[in-house]
Amino acid sequence: GFGWYLRTAQVPNSTSFSVRVYTGKHKCSRASASTSMKKTRGTPRLVAAILNEDYAGSFDTPSPKNIVDIVQGRMGVKVSYSTALRGKHRALDDVRGNPEECFQLIHSYFYMLKRVNPGTVTNVKVDANGKFLYCFAALGACIEGFQAMRKVIIVDATSLKTSYPGMLVFATAQDPNHHHYPLAFGIIDSENHASWGWFFQMLKTVIEDSPELVFVSDRHQSIIKSVKEVYPSAEHGYCIYHLSQNVKGRVNINKDECAKHFIQCAEIYTVGEFWPCFSDFQSRYPSAAVYLEEHVETAKWARCLFKGVRYDVDTSNVVESMNSVFRKARK
């Protein structure tokens, strides 16, 4: 056969190396091929420039897979999926600014928010190193308008979709026509005793404690603890949907029927109708009934036994709707 060997040599004025393969009758060079290939590939900056031109000021741009085709069609340049994704993120930063810049502007933003919305309450908490920890905002108009709302506040948190971890917190009410009424917002690091306690302390600066006040939430222990400590006069009811999901996890068969039966019991208006319905639930799903009796006070989920006035607000679906509204903003 033919003998062969490799020879490498550094390309002048470059960090690249030329590799030649000798087989006795044939030799080839990879350097020129790789150089020409690099010339035909785009960069994240090029991708961002095209997106900023075609989708000026928009947060919604095509998927990276479609961006690859767009750049190829527009410029005759090839980009990889990862390059398209980095370019997409860079275009978004061009429109909105990067997260670091946004956090630096939060004090200025809150200052202007209060200037143009009289009565607005804001607060920013930093850690021992002066870095952002929590923030709170309640618009003056929302605070004033709560006087005409049902005195039921639904609270929940959802994850932020940014390069930094954190949770977006909602406190939402309803008007008599069941319209959602955003009351206050907050950003916290995670759901824990300290963060929820701080948020409720801020909420108390705009909504005073009152026996007429009712909170509705899931059974997160930090929320339960904070409501009890910050709003001792208010009542606290649990979201029956979240509770139904816990309940059906206690049975091995007919899980959906179990959840449906539980919600049916929870929504009954009279005590006389409730106990026969719940007795039937106990006989059909004994393990689920034991879970409820051992872990959840009946008055916290049964409408007819609840001590406060929660109207027909049995779930935290109001906040779930708010999550949908702010899905893009969470990014």
C-alpha atoms as a PDB file:
ATOM      1  CA  GLY A   1       0.000   0.000   0.000  1.00  0.00           C
ATOM      2  CA  PHE A   2       0.909   3.707  -0.023  1.00  0.00           C
ATOM      3  CA  GLY A   3       2.811   5.218   2.892  1.00  0.00           C
ATOM      4  CA  TRP A   4       1.241   8.223   4.645  1.00  0.00           C
ATOM      5  CA  TYR A   5       2.129  10.829   7.262  1.00  0.00           C
ATOM      6  CA  LEU A   6       0.793  14.126   8.759  1.00  0.00           C
ATOM      7  CA  ARG A   7       2.494  17.500   8.594  1.00  0.00           C
ATOM      8  CA  THR A   8       1.231  20.518  10.584  1.00  0.00           C
ATOM      9  CA  ALA A   9       2.274  24.123  10.165  1.00  0.00           C
ATOM     10  CA  GLN A  10       0.944  27.334  11.704  1.00  0.00           C
ATOM     11  CA  VAL A  11      -0.847  29.636   9.306  1.00  0.00           C
ATOM     12  CA  PRO A  12       0.873  33.079   9.179  1.00  0.00           C
ATOM     13  CA  ASN A  13      -0.843  35.824  11.231  1.00  0.00           C
ATOM     14  CA  SER A  14      -3.301  33.273  12.643  1.00  0.00           C
ATOM     15  CA  THR A  15      -3.752  30.894  15.531  1.00  0.00           C
ATOM     16  CA  SER A  16      -4.949  28.181  13.122  1.00  0.00           C
ATOM     17  CA  PHE A  17      -2.884  25.273  11.928  1.00  0.00           C
ATOM     18  CA  SER A  18      -2.782  23.767   8.443  1.00  0.00           C
ATOM     19  CA  VAL A  19      -2.958  19.982   8.389  1.00  0.00           C
ATOM     20  CA  ARG A  20      -1.722  18.095   5.323  1.00  0.00           C
ATOM     21  CA  VAL A  21      -2.226  14.386   4.793  1.00  0.00           C
ATOM     22  CA  TYR A  22       0.253  12.630   2.500  1.00  0.00           C
ATOM     23  CA  THR A  23      -0.578   9.178   1.106  1.00  0.00           C
ATOM     24  CA  GLY A  24       2.041   8.936  -1.592  1.00  0.00           C
ATOM     25  CA  LYS A  25      -0.262   9.872  -4.485  1.00  0.00           C
ATOM     26  CA  HIS A  26      -2.705  12.369  -2.897  1.00  0.00           C
ATOM     27  CA  LYS A  27      -2.480  15.300  -0.550  1.00  0.00           C
ATOM     28  CA  CYS A  28      -5.161  17.680   0.743  1.00  0.00           C
ATOM     29  CA  SER A  29      -5.331  20.819   2.869  1.00  0.00           C
ATOM     30  CA  ARG A  30      -8.066  21.542   5.437  1.00  0.00           C
ATOM     31  CA  ALA A  31      -7.001  25.105   6.236  1.00  0.00           C
ATOM     32  CA  SER A  32      -8.407  26.794   3.154  1.00  0.00           C
ATOM     33  CA  ALA A  33     -11.676  24.865   3.420  1.00  0.00           C
ATOM     34  CA  SER A  34     -12.202  25.789   7.091  1.00  0.00           C
ATOM     35  CA  THR A  35     -11.342  29.433   6.386  1.00  0.00           C
ATOM     36  CA  SER A  36     -13.880  29.727   3.591  1.00  0.00           C
ATOM     37  CA  MET A  37     -16.489  28.019   5.757  1.00  0.00           C
ATOM     38  CA  LYS A  38     -15.971  30.546   8.543  1.00  0.00           C
ATOM     39  CA  LYS A  39     -16.449  33.380   6.070  1.00  0.00           C
ATOM     40  CA  THR A  40     -19.899  32.062   5.161  1.00  0.00           C
ATOM     41  CA  ARG A  41     -21.104  31.656   8.743  1.00  0.00           C
ATOM     42  CA  GLY A  42     -22.968  34.403  10.561  1.00  0.00           C
ATOM     43  CA  THR A  43     -22.590  35.690  14.093  1.00  0.00           C
ATOM     44  CA  PRO A  44     -25.106  36.402  16.887  1.00  0.00           C
ATOM     45  CA  ARG A  45     -24.654  40.124  16.198  1.00  0.00           C
ATOM     46  CA  LEU A  46     -25.669  39.620  12.556  1.00  0.00           C
ATOM     47  CA  VAL A  47     -28.720  37.616  13.603  1.00  0.00           C
ATOM     48  CA  ALA A  48     -29.715  40.333  16.094  1.00  0.00           C
ATOM     49  CA  ALA A  49     -29.341  43.038  13.432  1.00  0.00           C
ATOM     50  CA  ILE A  50     -31.674  41.190  11.056  1.00  0.00           C
ATOM     51  CA  LEU A  51     -34.267  40.602  13.798  1.00  0.00           C
ATOM     52  CA  ASN A  52     -34.119  44.228  14.951  1.00  0.00           C
ATOM     53  CA  GLU A  53     -34.795  45.316  11.395  1.00  0.00           C
ATOM     54  CA  ASP A  54     -37.626  42.896  10.674  1.00  0.00           C
ATOM     55  CA  TYR A  55     -39.190  42.911  14.172  1.00  0.00           C
ATOM     56  CA  ALA A  56     -38.289  46.379  15.439  1.00  0.00           C
ATOM     57  CA  GLY A  57     -39.204  46.881  19.100  1.00  0.00           C
ATOM     58  CA  SER A  58     -40.884  43.476  19.381  1.00  0.00           C
ATOM     59  CA  PHE A  59     -40.270  40.839  22.019  1.00  0.00           C
ATOM     60  CA  ASP A  60     -41.800  38.167  19.788  1.00  0.00           C
ATOM     61  CA  THR A  61     -39.347  36.907  17.189  1.00  0.00           C
ATOM     62  CA  PRO A  62     -39.248  33.635  15.246  1.00  0.00           C
ATOM     63  CA  SER A  63     -37.903  30.423  16.714  1.00  0.00           C
ATOM     64  CA  PRO A  64     -34.164  29.721  16.307  1.00  0.00           C
ATOM     65  CA  LYS A  65     -34.977  27.049  13.724  1.00  0.00           C
ATOM     66  CA  ASN A  66     -36.837  29.591  11.577  1.00  0.00           C
ATOM     67  CA  ILE A  67     -34.154  32.231  12.160  1.00  0.00           C
ATOM     68  CA  VAL A  68     -31.613  29.900  10.550  1.00  0.00           C
ATOM     69  CA  ASP A  69     -33.711  29.906   7.360  1.00  0.00           C
ATOM     70  CA  ILE A  70     -34.335  33.668   7.517  1.00  0.00           C
ATOM     71  CA  VAL A  71     -30.635  34.521   7.730  1.00  0.00           C
ATOM     72  CA  GLN A  72     -29.817  32.052   4.965  1.00  0.00           C
ATOM     73  CA  GLY A  73     -32.488  33.548   2.722  1.00  0.00           C
ATOM     74  CA  ARG A  74     -31.709  37.187   3.465  1.00  0.00           C
ATOM     75  CA  MET A  75     -27.920  37.138   3.573  1.00  0.00           C
ATOM     76  CA  GLY A  76     -26.925  33.830   2.035  1.00  0.00           C
ATOM     77  CA  VAL A  77     -25.115  33.121   5.282  1.00  0.00           C
ATOM     78  CA  LYS A  78     -25.257  29.959   7.335  1.00  0.00           C
ATOM     79  CA  VAL A  79     -25.839  30.081  11.078  1.00  0.00           C
ATOM     80  CA  SER A  80     -26.105  27.238  13.538  1.00  0.00           C
ATOM     81  CA  TYR A  81     -29.064  26.739  15.860  1.00  0.00           C
ATOM     82  CA  SER A  82     -27.005  27.926  18.861  1.00  0.00           C
ATOM     83  CA  THR A  83     -25.887  31.053  16.990  1.00  0.00           C
ATOM     84  CA  ALA A  84     -29.512  31.798  16.063  1.00  0.00           C
ATOM     85  CA  LEU A  85     -30.539  31.377  19.702  1.00  0.00           C
ATOM     86  CA  ARG A  86     -27.777  33.693  20.958  1.00  0.00           C
ATOM     87  CA  GLY A  87     -28.718  36.223  18.307  1.00  0.00           C
ATOM     88  CA  LYS A  88     -32.362  36.018  19.362  1.00  0.00           C
ATOM     89  CA  HIS A  89     -31.376  36.732  22.975  1.00  0.00           C
ATOM     90  CA  ARG A  90     -29.140  39.601  21.908  1.00  0.00           C
ATOM     91  CA  ALA A  91     -31.967  41.163  19.888  1.00  0.00           C
ATOM     92  CA  LEU A  92     -34.175  40.943  22.963  1.00  0.00           C
ATOM     93  CA  ASP A  93     -31.500  42.655  25.046  1.00  0.00           C
ATOM     94  CA  ASP A  94     -31.301  45.407  22.422  1.00  0.00           C
ATOM     95  CA  VAL A  95     -35.015  46.070  22.849  1.00  0.00           C
ATOM     96  CA  ARG A  96     -35.418  45.635  26.584  1.00  0.00           C
ATOM     97  CA  GLY A  97     -31.909  45.920  27.970  1.00  0.00           C
ATOM     98  CA  ASN A  98     -30.085  43.133  29.759  1.00  0.00           C
ATOM     99  CA  PRO A  99     -31.140  42.025  33.263  1.00  0.00           C
ATOM    100  CA  GLU A 100     -28.206  43.751  34.952  1.00  0.00           C
ATOM    101  CA  GLU A 101     -29.169  47.114  33.459  1.00  0.00           C
ATOM    102  CA  CYS A 102     -32.826  46.576  34.374  1.00  0.00           C
ATOM    103  CA  PHE A 103     -32.039  45.904  38.039  1.00  0.00           C
ATOM    104  CA  GLN A 104     -29.930  49.064  38.170  1.00  0.00           C
ATOM    105  CA  LEU A 105     -32.897  51.091  36.904  1.00  0.00           C
ATOM    106  CA  ILE A 106     -35.493  49.730  39.325  1.00  0.00           C
ATOM    107  CA  HIS A 107     -35.155  52.614  41.824  1.00  0.00           C
ATOM    108  CA  SER A 108     -35.560  55.168  39.041  1.00  0.00           C
ATOM    109  CA  TYR A 109     -38.516  53.249  37.642  1.00  0.00           C
ATOM    110  CA  PHE A 110     -40.270  53.138  41.000  1.00  0.00           C
ATOM    111  CA  TYR A 111     -39.616  56.861  41.493  1.00  0.00           C
ATOM    112  CA  MET A 112     -41.311  57.695  38.192  1.00  0.00           C
ATOM    113  CA  LEU A 113     -44.096  55.213  38.929  1.00  0.00           C
ATOM    114  CA  LYS A 114     -44.968  57.187  42.057  1.00  0.00           C
ATOM    115  CA  ARG A 115     -44.642  60.503  40.247  1.00  0.00           C
ATOM    116  CA  VAL A 116     -47.255  59.622  37.632  1.00  0.00           C
ATOM    117  CA  ASN A 117     -49.461  57.462  39.911  1.00  0.00           C
ATOM    118  CA  PRO A 118     -50.242  59.398  43.120  1.00  0.00           C
ATOM    119  CA  GLY A 119     -50.594  57.193  46.182  1.00  0.00           C
ATOM    120  CA  THR A 120     -48.429  54.413  44.747  1.00  0.00           C
ATOM    121  CA  VAL A 121     -46.400  52.442  47.295  1.00  0.00           C
ATOM    122  CA  THR A 122     -43.102  50.803  46.330  1.00  0.00           C
ATOM    123  CA  ASN A 123     -40.234  49.264  48.206  1.00  0.00           C
ATOM    124  CA  VAL A 124     -36.919  47.579  47.366  1.00  0.00           C
ATOM    125  CA  LYS A 125     -35.020  45.375  49.803  1.00  0.00           C
ATOM    126  CA  VAL A 126     -31.346  44.504  49.331  1.00  0.00           C
ATOM    127  CA  ASP A 127     -29.178  41.947  51.086  1.00  0.00           C
ATOM    128  CA  ALA A 128     -26.133  42.566  53.284  1.00  0.00           C
ATOM    129  CA  ASN A 129     -23.971  43.083  50.190  1.00  0.00           C
ATOM    130  CA  GLY A 130     -26.313  45.682  48.700  1.00  0.00           C
ATOM    131  CA  LYS A 131     -27.655  43.302  46.050  1.00  0.00           C
ATOM    132  CA  PHE A 132     -31.308  43.102  45.046  1.00  0.00           C
ATOM    133  CA  LEU A 133     -33.426  40.759  47.157  1.00  0.00           C
ATOM    134  CA  TYR A 134     -37.130  41.744  47.003  1.00  0.00           C
ATOM    135  CA  CYS A 135     -39.335  44.481  45.615  1.00  0.00           C
ATOM    136  CA  PHE A 136     -42.973  45.500  46.046  1.00  0.00           C
ATOM    137  CA  ALA A 137     -45.326  47.761  44.096  1.00  0.00           C
ATOM    138  CA  ALA A 138     -48.986  48.707  44.538  1.00  0.00           C
ATOM    139  CA  LEU A 139     -50.436  51.398  42.270  1.00  0.00           C
ATOM    140  CA  GLY A 140     -52.290  54.218  43.983  1.00  0.00           C
ATOM    141  CA  ALA A 141     -55.395  53.759  41.837  1.00  0.00           C
ATOM    142  CA  CYS A 142     -55.543  50.052  42.724  1.00  0.00           C
ATOM    143  CA  ILE A 143     -55.183  50.798  46.421  1.00  0.00           C
ATOM    144  CA  GLU A 144     -58.011  53.354  46.315  1.00  0.00           C
ATOM    145  CA  GLY A 145     -60.249  51.138  44.172  1.00  0.00           C
ATOM    146  CA  PHE A 146     -60.017  48.197  46.574  1.00  0.00           C
ATOM    147  CA  GLN A 147     -62.614  49.961  48.733  1.00  0.00           C
ATOM    148  CA  ALA A 148     -65.225  48.989  46.116  1.00  0.00           C
ATOM    149  CA  MET A 149     -63.989  45.389  45.721  1.00  0.00           C
ATOM    150  CA  ARG A 150     -64.936  42.225  47.537  1.00  0.00           C
ATOM    151  CA  LYS A 151     -62.687  41.927  50.573  1.00  0.00           C
ATOM    152  CA  VAL A 152     -61.119  38.707  49.303  1.00  0.00           C
ATOM    153  CA  ILE A 153     -57.453  38.722  48.283  1.00  0.00           C
ATOM    154  CA  ILE A 154     -55.982  35.846  46.310  1.00  0.00           C
ATOM    155  CA  VAL A 155     -52.203  35.447  46.547  1.00  0.00           C
ATOM    156  CA  ASP A 156     -49.816  33.222  44.635  1.00  0.00           C
ATOM    157  CA  ALA A 157     -46.376  33.228  43.010  1.00  0.00           C
ATOM    158  CA  THR A 158     -45.009  32.171  39.637  1.00  0.00           C
ATOM    159  CA  SER A 159     -41.460  31.679  38.393  1.00  0.00           C
ATOM    160  CA  LEU A 160     -39.701  34.398  36.434  1.00  0.00           C
ATOM    161  CA  LYS A 161     -38.298  33.274  33.075  1.00  0.00           C
ATOM    162  CA  THR A 162     -35.069  35.260  33.109  1.00  0.00           C
ATOM    163  CA  SER A 163     -31.378  34.472  33.501  1.00  0.00           C
ATOM    164  CA  TYR A 164     -31.746  35.192  37.219  1.00  0.00           C
ATOM    165  CA  PRO A 165     -33.938  33.066  39.495  1.00  0.00           C
ATOM    166  CA  GLY A 166     -36.877  34.596  41.295  1.00  0.00           C
ATOM    167  CA  MET A 167     -40.638  34.582  41.720  1.00  0.00           C
ATOM    168  CA  LEU A 168     -43.282  37.082  40.642  1.00  0.00           C
ATOM    169  CA  VAL A 169     -45.887  37.477  43.390  1.00  0.00           C
ATOM    170  CA  PHE A 170     -49.492  38.572  42.855  1.00  0.00           C
ATOM    171  CA  ALA A 171     -52.134  39.862  45.235  1.00  0.00           C
ATOM    172  CA  THR A 172     -55.406  40.028  43.312  1.00  0.00           C
ATOM    173  CA  ALA A 173     -59.013  40.810  44.177  1.00  0.00           C
ATOM    174  CA  GLN A 174     -62.363  40.625  42.354  1.00  0.00           C
ATOM    175  CA  ASP A 175     -65.049  43.184  41.720  1.00  0.00           C
ATOM    176  CA  PRO A 176     -68.744  42.268  42.131  1.00  0.00           C
ATOM    177  CA  ASN A 177     -68.868  41.312  38.431  1.00  0.00           C
ATOM    178  CA  HIS A 178     -66.060  38.754  38.855  1.00  0.00           C
ATOM    179  CA  HIS A 179     -63.522  40.892  37.020  1.00  0.00           C
ATOM    180  CA  HIS A 180     -59.923  40.406  38.124  1.00  0.00           C
ATOM    181  CA  TYR A 181     -58.488  43.337  40.033  1.00  0.00           C
ATOM    182  CA  PRO A 182     -54.671  43.390  40.409  1.00  0.00           C
ATOM    183  CA  LEU A 183     -53.824  44.878  43.763  1.00  0.00           C
ATOM    184  CA  ALA A 184     -50.087  44.482  44.347  1.00  0.00           C
ATOM    185  CA  PHE A 185     -47.034  42.841  42.801  1.00  0.00           C
ATOM    186  CA  GLY A 186     -43.736  41.710  44.186  1.00  0.00           C
ATOM    187  CA  ILE A 187     -40.529  39.958  43.208  1.00  0.00           C
ATOM    188  CA  ILE A 188     -38.942  37.561  45.699  1.00  0.00           C
ATOM    189  CA  ASP A 189     -36.035  35.160  45.547  1.00  0.00           C
ATOM    190  CA  SER A 190     -38.112  32.065  46.354  1.00  0.00           C
ATOM    191  CA  GLU A 191     -41.150  31.028  48.354  1.00  0.00           C
ATOM    192  CA  ASN A 192     -39.962  30.922  51.959  1.00  0.00           C
ATOM    193  CA  HIS A 193     -40.881  32.338  55.355  1.00  0.00           C
ATOM    194  CA  ALA A 194     -38.705  35.436  54.995  1.00  0.00           C
ATOM    195  CA  SER A 195     -39.844  36.418  51.502  1.00  0.00           C
ATOM    196  CA  TRP A 196     -43.558  35.839  52.017  1.00  0.00           C
ATOM    197  CA  GLY A 197     -43.384  37.518  55.424  1.00  0.00           C
ATOM    198  CA  TRP A 198     -41.793  40.590  53.835  1.00  0.00           C
ATOM    199  CA  PHE A 199     -44.390  40.718  51.052  1.00  0.00           C
ATOM    200  CA  PHE A 200     -47.308  40.561  53.485  1.00  0.00           C
ATOM    201  CA  GLN A 201     -45.719  43.254  55.654  1.00  0.00           C
ATOM    202  CA  MET A 202     -45.562  45.489  52.571  1.00  0.00           C
ATOM    203  CA  LEU A 203     -49.144  44.584  51.644  1.00  0.00           C
ATOM    204  CA  LYS A 204     -50.256  45.599  55.128  1.00  0.00           C
ATOM    205  CA  THR A 205     -48.990  49.131  54.478  1.00  0.00           C
ATOM    206  CA  VAL A 206     -51.734  49.498  51.835  1.00  0.00           C
ATOM    207  CA  ILE A 207     -54.403  47.048  53.075  1.00  0.00           C
ATOM    208  CA  GLU A 208     -55.009  47.079  56.819  1.00  0.00           C
ATOM    209  CA  ASP A 209     -55.839  44.010  58.868  1.00  0.00           C
ATOM    210  CA  SER A 210     -59.576  43.534  59.319  1.00  0.00           C
ATOM    211  CA  PRO A 211     -62.004  40.789  60.410  1.00  0.00           C
ATOM    212  CA  GLU A 212     -63.803  41.351  57.101  1.00  0.00           C
ATOM    213  CA  LEU A 213     -60.698  40.473  55.103  1.00  0.00           C
ATOM    214  CA  VAL A 214     -60.223  37.017  53.584  1.00  0.00           C
ATOM    215  CA  PHE A 215     -57.140  35.509  51.937  1.00  0.00           C
ATOM    216  CA  VAL A 216     -57.287  32.615  49.500  1.00  0.00           C
ATOM    217  CA  SER A 217     -54.184  30.679  48.464  1.00  0.00           C
ATOM    218  CA  ASP A 218     -52.693  27.241  48.110  1.00  0.00           C
ATOM    219  CA  ARG A 219     -51.416  25.565  51.266  1.00  0.00           C
ATOM    220  CA  HIS A 220     -47.821  26.736  51.057  1.00  0.00           C
ATOM    221  CA  GLN A 221     -46.603  26.764  54.653  1.00  0.00           C
ATOM    222  CA  SER A 222     -44.899  30.150  54.292  1.00  0.00           C
ATOM    223  CA  ILE A 223     -48.153  31.765  53.141  1.00  0.00           C
ATOM    224  CA  ILE A 224     -50.096  30.163  55.987  1.00  0.00           C
ATOM    225  CA  LYS A 225     -47.537  31.362  58.529  1.00  0.00           C
ATOM    226  CA  SER A 226     -47.334  34.896  57.114  1.00  0.00           C
ATOM    227  CA  VAL A 227     -51.101  35.446  56.952  1.00  0.00           C
ATOM    228  CA  LYS A 228     -51.467  34.247  60.533  1.00  0.00           C
ATOM    229  CA  GLU A 229     -48.724  36.554  61.821  1.00  0.00           C
ATOM    230  CA  VAL A 230     -49.278  39.674  59.712  1.00  0.00           C
ATOM    231  CA  TYR A 231     -53.078  39.535  59.384  1.00  0.00           C
ATOM    232  CA  PRO A 232     -54.273  37.853  62.602  1.00  0.00           C
ATOM    233  CA  SER A 233     -57.814  39.248  62.284  1.00  0.00           C
ATOM    234  CA  ALA A 234     -58.330  38.022  58.702  1.00  0.00           C
ATOM    235  CA  GLU A 235     -59.582  34.609  57.666  1.00  0.00           C
ATOM    236  CA  HIS A 236     -57.580  32.321  55.400  1.00  0.00           C
ATOM    237  CA  GLY A 237     -59.194  29.817  53.046  1.00  0.00           C
ATOM    238  CA  TYR A 238     -57.476  27.249  50.860  1.00  0.00           C
ATOM    239  CA  CYS A 239     -57.784  26.794  47.114  1.00  0.00           C
ATOM    240  CA  ILE A 240     -59.997  23.744  46.662  1.00  0.00           C
ATOM    241  CA  TYR A 241     -58.508  22.930  43.261  1.00  0.00           C
ATOM    242  CA  HIS A 242     -54.983  22.583  44.644  1.00  0.00           C
ATOM    243  CA  LEU A 243     -56.382  20.620  47.554  1.00  0.00           C
ATOM    244  CA  SER A 244     -58.315  18.315  45.214  1.00  0.00           C
ATOM    245  CA  GLN A 245     -55.051  17.456  43.458  1.00  0.00           C
ATOM    246  CA  ASN A 246     -53.528  16.507  46.815  1.00  0.00           C
ATOM    247  CA  VAL A 247     -56.588  14.494  47.731  1.00  0.00           C
ATOM    248  CA  LYS A 248     -56.691  12.426  44.549  1.00  0.00           C
ATOM    249  CA  GLY A 249     -53.042  11.572  45.045  1.00  0.00           C
ATOM    250  CA  ARG A 250     -54.118   9.595  48.129  1.00  0.00           C
ATOM    251  CA  VAL A 251     -56.159   7.053  46.187  1.00  0.00           C
ATOM    252  CA  ASN A 252     -55.004   4.407  43.738  1.00  0.00           C
ATOM    253  CA  ILE A 253     -58.057   4.226  41.478  1.00  0.00           C
ATOM    254  CA  ASN A 254     -60.749   6.635  40.293  1.00  0.00           C
ATOM    255  CA  LYS A 255     -58.494   9.598  41.012  1.00  0.00           C
ATOM    256  CA  ASP A 256     -60.443  12.114  38.919  1.00  0.00           C
ATOM    257  CA  GLU A 257     -63.741  10.961  40.410  1.00  0.00           C
ATOM    258  CA  CYS A 258     -62.257  11.416  43.883  1.00  0.00           C
ATOM    259  CA  ALA A 259     -61.180  14.997  43.082  1.00  0.00           C
ATOM    260  CA  LYS A 260     -64.573  15.789  41.568  1.00  0.00           C
ATOM    261  CA  HIS A 261     -66.405  14.396  44.592  1.00  0.00           C
ATOM    262  CA  PHE A 262     -64.223  16.456  46.941  1.00  0.00           C
ATOM    263  CA  ILE A 263     -64.928  19.692  45.053  1.00  0.00           C
ATOM    264  CA  GLN A 264     -68.633  18.856  45.127  1.00  0.00           C
ATOM    265  CA  CYS A 265     -68.467  18.617  48.923  1.00  0.00           C
ATOM    266  CA  ALA A 266     -66.427  21.811  49.225  1.00  0.00           C
ATOM    267  CA  GLU A 267     -68.886  23.900  47.212  1.00  0.00           C
ATOM    268  CA  ILE A 268     -72.021  22.984  49.187  1.00  0.00           C
ATOM    269  CA  TYR A 269     -73.697  25.999  50.805  1.00  0.00           C
ATOM    270  CA  THR A 270     -75.519  24.425  53.759  1.00  0.00           C
ATOM    271  CA  VAL A 271     -74.275  22.342  56.678  1.00  0.00           C
ATOM    272  CA  GLY A 272     -77.254  19.999  56.392  1.00  0.00           C
ATOM    273  CA  GLU A 273     -76.262  19.039  52.848  1.00  0.00           C
ATOM    274  CA  PHE A 274     -72.522  19.005  53.510  1.00  0.00           C
ATOM    275  CA  TRP A 275     -72.208  16.247  56.094  1.00  0.00           C
ATOM    276  CA  PRO A 276     -74.141  13.565  54.161  1.00  0.00           C
ATOM    277  CA  CYS A 277     -72.060  14.374  51.069  1.00  0.00           C
ATOM    278  CA  PHE A 278     -68.797  14.254  53.019  1.00  0.00           C
ATOM    279  CA  SER A 279     -69.829  11.016  54.762  1.00  0.00           C
ATOM    280  CA  ASP A 280     -70.338   9.472  51.339  1.00  0.00           C
ATOM    281  CA  PHE A 281     -66.881  10.756  50.339  1.00  0.00           C
ATOM    282  CA  GLN A 282     -65.374   9.173  53.464  1.00  0.00           C
ATOM    283  CA  SER A 283     -66.910   5.792  52.675  1.00  0.00           C
ATOM    284  CA  ARG A 284     -65.835   5.860  49.021  1.00  0.00           C
ATOM    285  CA  TYR A 285     -62.320   7.256  49.540  1.00  0.00           C
ATOM    286  CA  PRO A 286     -61.265   6.503  53.124  1.00  0.00           C
ATOM    287  CA  SER A 287     -57.553   7.172  52.581  1.00  0.00           C
ATOM    288  CA  ALA A 288     -58.290  10.589  51.082  1.00  0.00           C
ATOM    289  CA  ALA A 289     -60.685  11.398  53.918  1.00  0.00           C
ATOM    290  CA  VAL A 290     -58.052  10.459  56.507  1.00  0.00           C
ATOM    291  CA  TYR A 291     -55.575  12.769  54.784  1.00  0.00           C
ATOM    292  CA  LEU A 292     -58.042  15.666  54.983  1.00  0.00           C
ATOM    293  CA  GLU A 293     -58.910  15.006  58.627  1.00  0.00           C
ATOM    294  CA  GLU A 294     -55.259  14.785  59.692  1.00  0.00           C
ATOM    295  CA  HIS A 295     -53.739  17.611  57.648  1.00  0.00           C
ATOM    296  CA  VAL A 296     -56.402  20.188  56.747  1.00  0.00           C
ATOM    297  CA  GLU A 297     -58.953  21.955  58.917  1.00  0.00           C
ATOM    298  CA  THR A 298     -62.364  21.368  57.343  1.00  0.00           C
ATOM    299  CA  ALA A 299     -63.420  24.999  57.839  1.00  0.00           C
ATOM    300  CA  LYS A 300     -60.533  26.092  55.596  1.00  0.00           C
ATOM    301  CA  TRP A 301     -62.000  24.417  52.493  1.00  0.00           C
ATOM    302  CA  ALA A 302     -65.689  23.689  53.104  1.00  0.00           C
ATOM    303  CA  ARG A 303     -67.712  26.715  51.977  1.00  0.00           C
ATOM    304  CA  CYS A 304     -70.531  26.189  54.456  1.00  0.00           C
ATOM    305  CA  LEU A 305     -68.139  25.975  57.441  1.00  0.00           C
ATOM    306  CA  PHE A 306     -65.820  28.844  56.498  1.00  0.00           C
ATOM    307  CA  LYS A 307     -65.901  31.595  59.132  1.00  0.00           C
ATOM    308  CA  GLY A 308     -65.371  34.538  56.813  1.00  0.00           C
ATOM    309  CA  VAL A 309     -67.133  35.758  53.667  1.00  0.00           C
ATOM    310  CA  ARG A 310     -65.259  34.441  50.644  1.00  0.00           C
ATOM    311  CA  TYR A 311     -68.267  34.673  48.302  1.00  0.00           C
ATOM    312  CA  ASP A 312     -67.705  32.120  45.529  1.00  0.00           C
ATOM    313  CA  VAL A 313     -63.913  32.533  45.473  1.00  0.00           C
ATOM    314  CA  ASP A 314     -62.979  28.921  46.168  1.00  0.00           C
ATOM    315  CA  THR A 315     -59.823  28.690  44.064  1.00  0.00           C
ATOM    316  CA  SER A 316     -56.774  30.744  43.149  1.00  0.00           C
ATOM    317  CA  ASN A 317     -57.721  30.607  39.463  1.00  0.00           C
ATOM    318  CA  VAL A 318     -57.790  34.412  39.456  1.00  0.00           C
ATOM    319  CA  VAL A 319     -54.032  34.417  39.909  1.00  0.00           C
ATOM    320  CA  GLU A 320     -53.627  31.682  37.305  1.00  0.00           C
ATOM    321  CA  SER A 321     -55.362  34.017  34.857  1.00  0.00           C
ATOM    322  CA  MET A 322     -52.952  36.777  35.842  1.00  0.00           C
ATOM    323  CA  ASN A 323     -50.076  34.391  35.199  1.00  0.00           C
ATOM    324  CA  SER A 324     -51.377  33.962  31.664  1.00  0.00           C
ATOM    325  CA  VAL A 325     -51.661  37.713  31.157  1.00  0.00           C
ATOM    326  CA  PHE A 326     -48.090  38.274  32.290  1.00  0.00           C
ATOM    327  CA  ARG A 327     -46.561  35.233  30.574  1.00  0.00           C
ATOM    328  CA  LYS A 328     -44.498  37.352  28.176  1.00  0.00           C
ATOM    329  CA  ALA A 329     -43.578  39.912  30.816  1.00  0.00           C
ATOM    330  CA  ARG A 330     -42.176  37.165  33.062  1.00  0.00           C
ATOM    331  CA  LYS A 331     -39.417  36.688  30.494  1.00  0.00           C
END
